Protein backbone atom coordinates (compact mmCIF):
# COMPACT_ATOMS: atom_id res chain seq x y z
CA UNK A 1 45.80 15.26 94.92
CA UNK A 2 45.21 19.00 94.28
CA UNK A 3 49.06 18.71 92.97
CA UNK A 4 47.92 16.22 90.41
CA UNK A 5 44.74 17.93 89.32
CA UNK A 6 46.64 21.42 88.80
CA UNK A 7 49.64 19.55 87.24
CA UNK A 8 47.27 17.61 84.76
CA UNK A 9 45.38 20.77 83.99
CA UNK A 10 48.84 22.71 83.57
CA UNK A 11 49.89 20.11 80.96
CA UNK A 12 46.62 20.16 79.26
CA UNK A 13 46.51 23.55 78.69
CA UNK A 14 50.42 23.44 77.18
CA UNK A 15 49.18 20.54 74.92
CA UNK A 16 46.52 22.34 73.71
CA UNK A 17 48.42 25.75 73.09
CA UNK A 18 51.25 24.26 71.53
CA UNK A 19 49.68 21.69 69.61
CA UNK A 20 50.70 23.22 66.27
CA UNK A 21 54.34 22.58 67.45
CA UNK A 22 53.79 19.14 68.44
CA UNK A 23 53.68 15.88 66.74
CA UNK A 24 51.23 13.04 67.26
CA UNK A 25 53.93 10.87 68.97
CA UNK A 26 54.94 13.78 71.50
CA UNK A 27 51.25 13.92 72.28
CA UNK A 28 50.92 10.29 72.72
CA UNK A 29 54.12 10.46 75.11
CA UNK A 30 52.86 13.49 77.32
CA UNK A 31 49.24 11.47 77.57
CA UNK A 32 51.34 8.14 78.55
CA UNK A 33 53.37 9.97 81.06
CA UNK A 34 50.40 11.56 82.68
CA UNK A 35 48.72 8.34 82.87
CA UNK A 36 51.69 6.89 84.46
CA UNK A 37 51.89 9.55 87.09
CA UNK A 38 48.43 9.41 87.81
CA UNK A 39 48.40 5.55 88.38
CA UNK A 40 51.37 5.69 90.40
CA UNK A 41 50.39 8.67 92.39
CA UNK A 42 46.90 7.11 93.13
CA UNK A 43 46.81 3.54 93.10
CA UNK A 44 49.94 2.19 94.59
CA UNK A 45 50.24 4.17 97.77
CA UNK A 46 46.39 3.10 98.51
CA UNK A 47 47.55 -0.42 98.08
CA UNK A 48 50.75 -0.25 100.10
CA UNK A 49 48.66 1.44 102.75
CA UNK A 50 46.49 -1.48 102.79
CA UNK A 51 49.29 -3.91 103.17
CA UNK A 52 51.37 -1.47 105.42
CA UNK A 53 54.35 -1.81 103.04
CA UNK A 54 56.68 1.30 103.66
CA UNK A 55 59.25 0.37 100.72
CA UNK A 56 56.26 0.38 98.22
CA UNK A 57 55.37 3.84 99.14
CA UNK A 58 59.03 5.09 98.87
CA UNK A 59 59.29 3.45 95.42
CA UNK A 60 55.97 4.83 94.53
CA UNK A 61 57.01 8.45 95.54
CA UNK A 62 60.31 8.10 93.59
CA UNK A 63 58.85 7.20 90.64
CA UNK A 64 56.40 9.95 90.84
CA UNK A 65 59.17 12.36 91.11
CA UNK A 66 60.90 10.83 88.25
CA UNK A 67 57.59 10.76 85.86
CA UNK A 68 56.80 14.15 86.95
CA UNK A 69 60.36 15.62 85.90
CA UNK A 70 60.28 13.91 82.83
CA UNK A 71 56.70 15.21 82.05
CA UNK A 72 57.82 18.73 83.06
CA UNK A 73 61.18 18.66 80.79
CA UNK A 74 59.29 17.27 77.82
CA UNK A 75 56.50 19.93 77.88
CA UNK A 76 59.39 22.58 78.42
CA UNK A 77 61.33 21.21 75.45
CA UNK A 78 58.23 21.10 73.18
CA UNK A 79 57.24 24.95 74.29
CA UNK A 80 60.64 26.34 73.73
CA UNK A 81 61.29 24.46 70.39
């Protein structure tokens, strides 16, 4: 949970400081990725724990990793451009 809050704060700070470099489309993309990251990391594991389905938790963890790496690379590209 703390990692999610810190990563969200980090991305928001990047979006604010680098907003001159970003288009509306890239801001929307970052917002959508943040929403997906938060949804997958919070909702799906809770549902899976209730139903005790291990493969859902593993799949959710894989999606969290993919979305967070994508979000990190996207913001890194925006900062360096």
